[in-house]
Amino acid sequence: MATIQEVAKYAGVSVATVSRVINTPDKVRKHTQFKVQNAIRELNYEPSVLGRSLRTSQTRLFLVLLPSISNPFYAQIINGIQNKAIESGYNILLCETDSDPAREVIFFNMIKNKLADGIISMDPTVNKERLIELSTKYPIVQCSEYAKDNTLSYVTIDSERAAYQAVKHLIKLGHKKIGLINFDKKFLYASERYRGYEKALKEFDLEIKDDWIYNTKHLNFESGQQAMRVLLNQADRPTAVFAVSDVLAVGALKELHINQLRVPEEMALFGFDNIEFSNVVYPPLTTVAQPMYDMGSISVQMLMSKIRGEEVESLVLDHHLIIRETT
């Protein structure tokens, strides 16, 4: 393998010039850049990533915190993060916390020990106080789930408004008995979507009945199925259900099929997220579409701005309803 000294000799420049072309090309004249880059290609030279990291104090690595890689909600966001990061000369490391504080500590220590340049947190279970404290010293942004603190920049949507619009759509279709499949309200998105559900029902003077609200302990298909099973066992059951996640809605739809209920004639169903599954289930799921890819891409741009020491404003992106065949 060629050395940096051999590249310098081949190009007829100093070792320092080769280093500048590799690390800060904008500070080198175009003619010199061309000579060095040609030498690198001809000699098959591969710069040492570790050496560059030691010289520049940059790892070119972002940590992406998420509770579970298996949740399909994160797939499009991760694509957005990865594509923008690679385009910008960075790599990403997916860090599955599994809602385990001990794992959080490991990942937080990575940035403290300068093994990563910044963190993008998508984990609703993360220790917000510790994350806020860490953000005073290191570049951190939040994507989707966020803490309402000025220290931490975030990119998200207005979950309360989106939920309100979804439930209002069900009301406009003539439903007066609308159930809710929610997650733990200690998480911001779950509490905001509950408020949107509540706001819509109150606006139309409709009953908010505890028996029609099911809070799951886990965010998976099985929990959605269990929730719908409980709602169907009510003597006075709802005619429509709003689920705060497509994962829960798809599980709920399975339970409706098991009970041979016609959707939407006997039970309407509204999801949230527009994951890929939502358009392949039968009938296709009506849902709230989040701009997940854009959220991921923008979170990288925000993080790079923080690394450069720039002020970063939080962003609330637009969502829209996708009306399919479950309503």
Protein backbone atom coordinates (compact mmCIF):
# COMPACT_ATOMS: atom_id res chain seq x y z
CA MET A 1 0.00 0.00 0.00
CA ALA A 2 1.32 3.43 -0.94
CA THR A 3 2.30 5.93 1.75
CA ILE A 4 1.54 9.63 1.93
CA GLN A 5 5.24 10.31 1.32
CA GLU A 6 5.08 8.37 -1.97
CA VAL A 7 2.00 10.34 -3.04
CA ALA A 8 3.79 13.60 -2.28
CA LYS A 9 6.84 12.53 -4.30
CA TYR A 10 4.70 11.38 -7.25
CA ALA A 11 2.76 14.65 -7.28
CA GLY A 12 5.84 16.80 -6.73
CA VAL A 13 4.47 18.46 -3.61
CA SER A 14 5.08 18.33 0.14
CA VAL A 15 3.47 15.82 2.52
CA ALA A 16 1.69 18.76 4.17
CA THR A 17 0.09 19.71 0.84
CA VAL A 18 -1.18 16.16 0.32
CA SER A 19 -2.66 16.28 3.82
CA ARG A 20 -4.40 19.60 3.06
CA VAL A 21 -5.86 18.22 -0.19
CA ILE A 22 -7.29 15.26 1.75
CA ASN A 23 -8.58 17.18 4.78
CA THR A 24 -9.19 20.79 3.66
CA PRO A 25 -9.21 20.83 -0.15
CA ASP A 26 -10.83 24.26 -0.31
CA LYS A 27 -7.56 25.74 0.98
CA VAL A 28 -5.52 24.31 -1.94
CA ARG A 29 -5.33 25.63 -5.51
CA LYS A 30 -7.29 23.61 -8.09
CA HIS A 31 -4.17 22.78 -10.12
CA THR A 32 -2.43 21.37 -7.04
CA GLN A 33 -5.57 19.48 -6.02
CA PHE A 34 -5.66 17.84 -9.45
CA LYS A 35 -2.02 16.71 -9.23
CA VAL A 36 -2.45 15.23 -5.76
CA GLN A 37 -5.76 13.53 -6.54
CA ASN A 38 -4.25 12.03 -9.67
CA ALA A 39 -1.33 10.68 -7.62
CA ILE A 40 -3.73 9.20 -5.08
CA ARG A 41 -5.61 7.40 -7.87
CA GLU A 42 -2.48 6.19 -9.67
CA LEU A 43 -0.88 4.84 -6.48
CA ASN A 44 -4.13 3.50 -5.01
CA TYR A 45 -3.48 5.45 -1.83
CA GLU A 46 -6.00 5.10 1.01
CA PRO A 47 -5.78 7.77 3.73
CA SER A 48 -5.82 6.50 7.31
CA VAL A 49 -9.21 7.28 8.84
CA LEU A 50 -7.75 6.96 12.33
CA GLY A 51 -4.85 9.25 11.48
CA ARG A 52 -7.19 11.84 10.02
CA SER A 53 -9.36 11.62 13.12
CA LEU A 54 -6.38 12.25 15.39
CA ARG A 55 -5.24 15.23 13.31
CA THR A 56 -8.61 16.90 12.88
CA SER A 57 -10.33 15.79 16.11
CA GLN A 58 -13.20 14.57 13.92
CA THR A 59 -14.33 10.97 13.52
CA ARG A 60 -16.79 11.68 10.65
CA LEU A 61 -19.20 9.42 12.56
CA PHE A 62 -22.71 10.15 13.83
CA LEU A 63 -24.48 8.06 16.46
CA VAL A 64 -28.18 7.43 15.78
CA LEU A 65 -30.08 6.44 18.92
CA LEU A 66 -33.30 4.47 18.55
CA PRO A 67 -35.15 2.09 20.87
CA SER A 68 -35.57 -0.78 18.38
CA ILE A 69 -34.21 -1.39 14.92
CA SER A 70 -37.11 -3.77 14.24
CA ASN A 71 -39.75 -0.99 14.34
CA PRO A 72 -40.54 -0.21 10.66
CA PHE A 73 -41.29 3.42 11.54
CA TYR A 74 -37.56 4.15 11.69
CA ALA A 75 -36.64 2.64 8.31
CA GLN A 76 -37.34 5.69 6.12
CA ILE A 77 -35.85 8.11 8.66
CA ILE A 78 -32.66 6.04 8.77
CA ASN A 79 -32.50 6.09 4.97
CA GLY A 80 -32.70 9.87 5.04
CA ILE A 81 -30.02 10.10 7.73
CA GLN A 82 -27.68 7.67 6.00
CA ASN A 83 -27.96 9.16 2.51
CA LYS A 84 -27.39 12.73 3.69
CA ALA A 85 -24.55 11.67 6.00
CA ILE A 86 -22.71 9.74 3.26
CA GLU A 87 -23.28 12.58 0.81
CA SER A 88 -21.64 14.89 3.37
CA GLY A 89 -18.67 12.62 4.06
CA TYR A 90 -19.95 11.07 7.29
CA ASN A 91 -20.83 7.56 8.41
CA ILE A 92 -23.52 6.56 10.90
CA LEU A 93 -23.67 4.00 13.68
CA LEU A 94 -27.14 2.74 14.62
CA CYS A 95 -27.35 2.45 18.40
CA GLU A 96 -30.26 0.33 19.62
CA THR A 97 -30.88 1.31 23.23
CA ASP A 98 -33.65 -1.25 23.87
CA SER A 99 -34.83 1.34 26.42
CA ASP A 100 -31.92 0.24 28.63
CA PRO A 101 -30.21 3.04 30.64
CA ALA A 102 -26.98 1.00 30.77
CA ARG A 103 -26.81 1.01 26.97
CA GLU A 104 -27.46 4.74 26.92
CA VAL A 105 -24.40 5.28 29.09
CA ILE A 106 -22.25 3.33 26.62
CA PHE A 107 -23.37 5.47 23.70
CA PHE A 108 -23.12 8.73 25.65
CA ASN A 109 -19.57 7.80 26.66
CA MET A 110 -18.67 7.34 23.00
CA ILE A 111 -19.25 11.00 22.27
CA LYS A 112 -17.63 12.06 25.54
CA ASN A 113 -14.54 10.07 24.52
CA LYS A 114 -14.57 11.67 21.05
CA LEU A 115 -15.42 8.42 19.28
CA ALA A 116 -18.24 10.22 17.43
CA ASP A 117 -18.87 13.79 16.29
CA GLY A 118 -22.55 14.04 17.22
CA ILE A 119 -25.80 12.31 18.14
CA ILE A 120 -29.17 12.12 16.42
CA SER A 121 -31.68 10.84 18.96
CA MET A 122 -34.93 9.20 17.85
CA ASP A 123 -35.44 7.36 21.13
CA PRO A 124 -38.57 8.42 23.07
CA THR A 125 -37.32 6.45 26.09
CA VAL A 126 -33.95 8.21 26.32
CA ASN A 127 -33.05 9.99 29.56
CA LYS A 128 -34.00 13.52 28.53
CA GLU A 129 -32.23 15.22 31.46
CA ARG A 130 -28.96 13.48 30.64
CA LEU A 131 -29.38 14.23 26.93
CA ILE A 132 -30.00 17.92 27.64
CA GLU A 133 -26.94 18.07 29.90
CA LEU A 134 -24.82 16.38 27.24
CA SER A 135 -26.06 18.80 24.57
CA THR A 136 -24.44 21.74 26.37
CA LYS A 137 -21.02 20.32 25.42
CA TYR A 138 -21.61 18.15 22.35
CA PRO A 139 -23.62 18.43 19.09
CA ILE A 140 -26.99 16.69 19.53
CA VAL A 141 -30.28 16.95 17.65
CA GLN A 142 -33.57 15.14 18.06
CA CYS A 143 -35.62 13.62 15.29
CA SER A 144 -39.35 12.92 15.65
CA GLU A 145 -39.54 12.52 19.45
CA TYR A 146 -38.15 15.48 21.36
CA ALA A 147 -37.82 17.19 24.71
CA LYS A 148 -39.41 20.62 25.03
CA ASP A 149 -36.20 22.36 25.95
CA ASN A 150 -34.52 25.25 24.14
CA THR A 151 -31.14 23.57 24.50
CA LEU A 152 -32.03 20.69 22.21
CA SER A 153 -32.86 21.33 18.58
CA TYR A 154 -35.35 19.01 16.91
CA VAL A 155 -37.17 18.21 13.69
CA THR A 156 -40.66 16.77 14.03
CA ILE A 157 -44.32 17.24 13.05
CA ASP A 158 -47.28 18.64 14.98
CA SER A 159 -48.60 15.35 16.37
CA GLU A 160 -51.51 16.95 18.21
CA ARG A 161 -52.81 18.69 15.10
CA ALA A 162 -52.33 15.56 12.98
CA ALA A 163 -54.29 13.42 15.46
CA TYR A 164 -57.01 16.06 15.67
CA GLN A 165 -57.39 16.04 11.87
CA ALA A 166 -57.46 12.24 11.75
CA VAL A 167 -60.22 11.97 14.36
CA LYS A 168 -62.14 14.85 12.80
CA HIS A 169 -62.10 12.92 9.52
CA LEU A 170 -63.74 9.97 11.28
CA ILE A 171 -66.34 12.29 12.81
CA LYS A 172 -67.12 13.82 9.41
CA LEU A 173 -67.79 10.29 8.13
CA GLY A 174 -70.56 10.04 10.74
CA HIS A 175 -68.80 8.18 13.56
CA LYS A 176 -69.85 9.17 17.06
CA LYS A 177 -68.17 6.31 18.96
CA ILE A 178 -64.45 6.59 18.36
CA GLY A 179 -61.90 4.52 20.22
CA LEU A 180 -58.19 5.14 20.73
CA ILE A 181 -55.24 2.76 20.75
CA ASN A 182 -52.42 4.68 22.38
CA PHE A 183 -48.98 4.07 23.86
CA ASP A 184 -47.64 5.25 27.23
CA LYS A 185 -48.49 8.96 27.60
CA LYS A 186 -45.18 9.65 29.34
CA PHE A 187 -43.83 9.84 25.77
CA LEU A 188 -44.47 13.19 24.16
CA TYR A 189 -45.90 11.92 20.86
CA ALA A 190 -48.39 9.68 22.70
CA SER A 191 -49.59 12.50 24.94
CA GLU A 192 -49.83 14.93 22.00
CA ARG A 193 -51.82 12.48 19.88
CA TYR A 194 -54.14 11.85 22.83
CA ARG A 195 -54.72 15.60 23.12
CA GLY A 196 -55.56 15.76 19.41
CA TYR A 197 -58.03 12.89 19.82
CA GLU A 198 -59.59 14.57 22.84
CA LYS A 199 -59.79 17.98 21.17
CA ALA A 200 -61.68 16.64 18.16
CA LEU A 201 -64.22 14.77 20.28
CA LYS A 202 -64.81 17.76 22.55
CA GLU A 203 -65.25 20.09 19.59
CA PHE A 204 -68.15 17.95 18.35
CA ASP A 205 -69.56 17.25 21.84
CA LEU A 206 -68.82 13.54 21.58
CA GLU A 207 -68.22 11.26 24.55
CA ILE A 208 -64.67 10.45 25.64
CA LYS A 209 -65.18 7.05 27.17
CA ASP A 210 -62.40 5.37 29.18
CA ASP A 211 -63.53 1.95 27.99
CA TRP A 212 -62.81 3.00 24.40
CA ILE A 213 -59.20 3.99 25.17
CA TYR A 214 -56.51 1.31 25.37
CA ASN A 215 -52.91 2.18 26.32
CA THR A 216 -50.47 -0.49 25.20
CA LYS A 217 -47.29 -1.40 27.09
CA HIS A 218 -45.36 -2.19 23.93
CA LEU A 219 -45.24 -0.73 20.44
CA ASN A 220 -45.64 -3.80 18.24
CA PHE A 221 -48.19 -5.64 16.10
CA GLU A 222 -49.22 -7.97 18.93
CA SER A 223 -50.07 -5.05 21.21
CA GLY A 224 -52.29 -3.52 18.53
CA GLN A 225 -54.08 -6.83 18.11
CA GLN A 226 -54.58 -7.17 21.87
CA ALA A 227 -55.90 -3.61 22.08
CA MET A 228 -58.51 -4.21 19.39
CA ARG A 229 -59.51 -7.48 21.05
CA VAL A 230 -60.27 -5.57 24.27
CA LEU A 231 -62.22 -2.85 22.43
CA LEU A 232 -64.30 -5.44 20.56
CA ASN A 233 -65.25 -7.11 23.84
CA GLN A 234 -66.99 -3.96 25.07
CA ALA A 235 -70.78 -4.30 25.28
CA ASP A 236 -71.02 -0.82 23.79
CA ARG A 237 -68.06 -0.80 21.45
CA PRO A 238 -66.78 1.97 19.15
CA THR A 239 -67.50 2.05 15.42
CA ALA A 240 -64.12 3.58 14.56
CA VAL A 241 -60.65 3.46 16.11
CA PHE A 242 -57.71 5.84 15.85
CA ALA A 243 -54.31 4.21 16.51
CA VAL A 244 -51.30 6.43 17.28
CA SER A 245 -49.02 4.16 15.24
CA ASP A 246 -49.40 2.16 12.04
CA VAL A 247 -47.71 -0.76 13.79
CA LEU A 248 -50.56 -0.81 16.32
CA ALA A 249 -53.15 -0.24 13.58
CA VAL A 250 -51.91 -3.17 11.50
CA GLY A 251 -52.15 -5.43 14.55
CA ALA A 252 -55.66 -4.10 15.20
CA LEU A 253 -56.63 -4.80 11.59
CA LYS A 254 -55.56 -8.42 11.99
CA GLU A 255 -57.90 -8.79 14.96
CA LEU A 256 -60.77 -7.33 12.95
CA HIS A 257 -60.15 -9.94 10.24
CA ILE A 258 -60.06 -12.74 12.83
CA ASN A 259 -63.46 -11.57 14.07
CA GLN A 260 -64.72 -11.39 10.48
CA LEU A 261 -65.69 -7.74 10.80
CA ARG A 262 -65.99 -5.77 7.58
CA VAL A 263 -63.66 -2.77 7.38
CA PRO A 264 -64.71 0.02 7.22
CA GLU A 265 -68.43 -0.89 7.19
CA GLU A 266 -68.46 -2.40 10.70
CA MET A 267 -65.29 -0.81 12.07
CA ALA A 268 -63.26 2.04 10.59
CA LEU A 269 -59.55 2.30 11.38
CA PHE A 270 -57.10 5.22 11.17
CA GLY A 271 -53.34 4.78 11.66
CA PHE A 272 -50.37 7.11 11.99
CA ASP A 273 -46.93 7.21 10.24
CA ASN A 274 -47.55 5.79 6.75
CA ILE A 275 -45.03 2.96 7.09
CA GLU A 276 -44.64 0.72 4.04
CA PHE A 277 -46.89 -1.94 5.57
CA SER A 278 -49.82 0.49 5.61
CA ASN A 279 -50.32 0.24 1.85
CA VAL A 280 -49.91 -3.53 1.51
CA VAL A 281 -52.36 -4.72 4.19
CA TYR A 282 -55.96 -5.39 3.20
CA PRO A 283 -57.77 -3.14 3.08
CA PRO A 284 -55.04 -0.50 2.69
CA LEU A 285 -54.75 1.59 5.85
CA THR A 286 -55.87 5.20 6.11
CA THR A 287 -53.08 7.00 7.95
CA VAL A 288 -51.19 10.19 8.76
CA ALA A 289 -48.08 10.55 6.60
CA GLN A 290 -44.99 11.96 8.24
CA PRO A 291 -42.17 13.17 5.95
CA MET A 292 -39.87 10.58 7.50
CA TYR A 293 -37.11 10.60 4.89
CA ASP A 294 -36.95 14.41 5.01
CA MET A 295 -36.87 14.36 8.81
CA GLY A 296 -33.81 12.11 8.70
CA SER A 297 -32.04 14.17 6.04
CA ILE A 298 -32.76 17.47 7.79
CA SER A 299 -31.57 16.13 11.15
CA VAL A 300 -28.15 15.48 9.58
CA GLN A 301 -28.01 19.02 8.17
CA MET A 302 -28.93 20.40 11.60
CA LEU A 303 -26.25 18.30 13.29
CA MET A 304 -23.56 19.43 10.85
CA SER A 305 -24.56 23.04 11.49
CA LYS A 306 -24.15 22.44 15.22
CA ILE A 307 -20.71 20.93 14.65
CA ARG A 308 -19.75 24.14 12.81
CA GLY A 309 -20.88 26.11 15.86
CA GLU A 310 -23.92 27.64 14.17
CA GLU A 311 -27.25 28.41 15.82
CA VAL A 312 -29.84 25.80 14.84
CA GLU A 313 -33.59 26.45 14.89
CA SER A 314 -35.99 23.57 15.54
CA LEU A 315 -38.30 22.64 12.68
CA VAL A 316 -41.91 21.40 12.57
CA LEU A 317 -42.57 19.84 9.17
CA ASP A 318 -45.90 19.39 7.40
CA HIS A 319 -47.86 16.14 7.57
CA HIS A 320 -50.85 15.06 5.53
CA LEU A 321 -53.69 12.56 5.71
CA ILE A 322 -53.67 9.62 3.33
CA ILE A 323 -57.22 8.40 2.93
CA ARG A 324 -57.35 4.76 1.90
CA GLU A 325 -59.88 1.97 2.38
CA THR A 326 -60.09 1.48 6.15
CA THR A 327 -62.22 4.61 6.60
